[in-house]
Amino acid sequence: RYAGGNIPQAEADGMFKDIHFDYDSYSVSSEYQAQLRENAKTLSSDSSLQVEIEGHCDKRGTVEYNMALGEKRAKAVATLLVTYG
């Protein structure tokens, strides 16, 4: 839980797991698509849940490039969650 509140964390044993991407990619692998299907089921089963999707990168590349890649990664995950319900 985040800061002792009621917001579940994605990391470790939280409600949702992190999605990892191949280097320099924003394509969601089939392994993580299955995980996103489960996440979508969880979200659709409880309308009070809200999530914030963030895309992250490592330190290689320019700040501008990494910001754009992180945004593409977040949008790819959001698109799949919507597609899965």
Protein backbone atom coordinates (compact mmCIF):
# COMPACT_ATOMS: atom_id res chain seq x y z
CA ARG A 1 0.00 0.00 0.00
CA TYR A 2 1.21 3.46 -0.86
CA ALA A 3 2.27 5.66 2.05
CA GLY A 4 0.18 3.65 4.47
CA GLY A 5 -2.99 4.49 2.53
CA ASN A 6 -5.27 2.35 0.48
CA ILE A 7 -3.59 2.58 -2.92
CA PRO A 8 -2.17 -0.82 -3.95
CA GLN A 9 1.39 -0.87 -5.23
CA ALA A 10 2.38 -2.55 -8.47
CA GLU A 11 5.66 -3.83 -7.10
CA ALA A 12 6.36 -7.07 -5.26
CA ASP A 13 3.23 -8.76 -3.93
CA GLY A 14 0.84 -5.93 -4.77
CA MET A 15 -2.44 -6.22 -6.63
CA PHE A 16 -0.80 -5.57 -10.01
CA LYS A 17 2.60 -6.61 -11.29
CA ASP A 18 5.04 -4.51 -13.30
CA ILE A 19 5.18 -4.96 -17.06
CA HIS A 20 8.68 -5.20 -18.49
CA PHE A 21 9.69 -4.33 -22.03
CA ASP A 22 12.52 -5.38 -24.27
CA TYR A 23 15.29 -2.86 -24.73
CA ASP A 24 14.26 0.10 -26.89
CA SER A 25 10.72 -1.26 -27.31
CA TYR A 26 7.18 -0.42 -26.34
CA SER A 27 5.60 -3.65 -27.59
CA VAL A 28 3.93 -5.70 -24.88
CA SER A 29 5.03 -9.34 -25.09
CA SER A 30 2.48 -12.17 -24.99
CA GLU A 31 3.65 -13.05 -21.48
CA TYR A 32 2.65 -9.63 -20.20
CA GLN A 33 -0.50 -9.45 -22.32
CA ALA A 34 -1.85 -12.37 -20.29
CA GLN A 35 -0.99 -10.50 -17.12
CA LEU A 36 -2.75 -7.38 -18.42
CA ARG A 37 -5.87 -9.45 -19.14
CA GLU A 38 -5.94 -10.42 -15.46
CA ASN A 39 -5.37 -6.80 -14.44
CA ALA A 40 -8.26 -5.72 -16.68
CA LYS A 41 -10.53 -8.30 -15.02
CA THR A 42 -9.57 -6.97 -11.61
CA LEU A 43 -10.22 -3.38 -12.65
CA SER A 44 -13.55 -4.16 -14.30
CA SER A 45 -14.74 -6.14 -11.25
CA ASP A 46 -14.39 -3.12 -8.93
CA SER A 47 -15.46 0.25 -10.33
CA SER A 48 -13.97 2.05 -7.32
CA LEU A 49 -10.43 1.10 -8.39
CA GLN A 50 -8.39 3.72 -10.19
CA VAL A 51 -4.92 3.27 -11.61
CA GLU A 52 -2.16 5.52 -12.82
CA ILE A 53 -0.04 4.02 -15.56
CA GLU A 54 3.57 5.16 -15.82
CA GLY A 55 6.20 4.18 -18.36
CA HIS A 56 9.83 4.05 -17.28
CA CYS A 57 13.19 3.56 -19.00
CA ASP A 58 16.75 3.02 -17.92
CA LYS A 59 19.34 5.80 -18.05
CA ARG A 60 20.63 5.01 -21.53
CA GLY A 61 19.63 7.50 -24.21
CA THR A 62 18.73 11.15 -23.98
CA VAL A 63 16.16 12.49 -21.55
CA GLU A 64 13.88 13.42 -24.44
CA TYR A 65 14.11 9.96 -26.00
CA ASN A 66 13.46 8.21 -22.70
CA MET A 67 10.49 10.45 -21.91
CA ALA A 68 8.96 9.64 -25.30
CA LEU A 69 9.63 5.90 -24.92
CA GLY A 70 8.16 5.89 -21.41
CA GLU A 71 5.03 7.60 -22.71
CA LYS A 72 4.70 5.07 -25.54
CA ARG A 73 5.06 2.22 -23.04
CA ALA A 74 2.37 3.65 -20.78
CA LYS A 75 0.03 4.18 -23.74
CA ALA A 76 0.62 0.62 -24.97
CA VAL A 77 -0.39 -0.76 -21.56
CA ALA A 78 -3.40 1.56 -21.31
CA THR A 79 -4.58 0.59 -24.79
CA LEU A 80 -4.42 -3.12 -23.94
CA LEU A 81 -6.24 -2.63 -20.64
CA VAL A 82 -9.05 -0.86 -22.48
CA THR A 83 -9.08 -3.55 -25.16
CA TYR A 84 -9.36 -6.24 -22.48
CA GLY A 85 -12.27 -4.48 -20.81
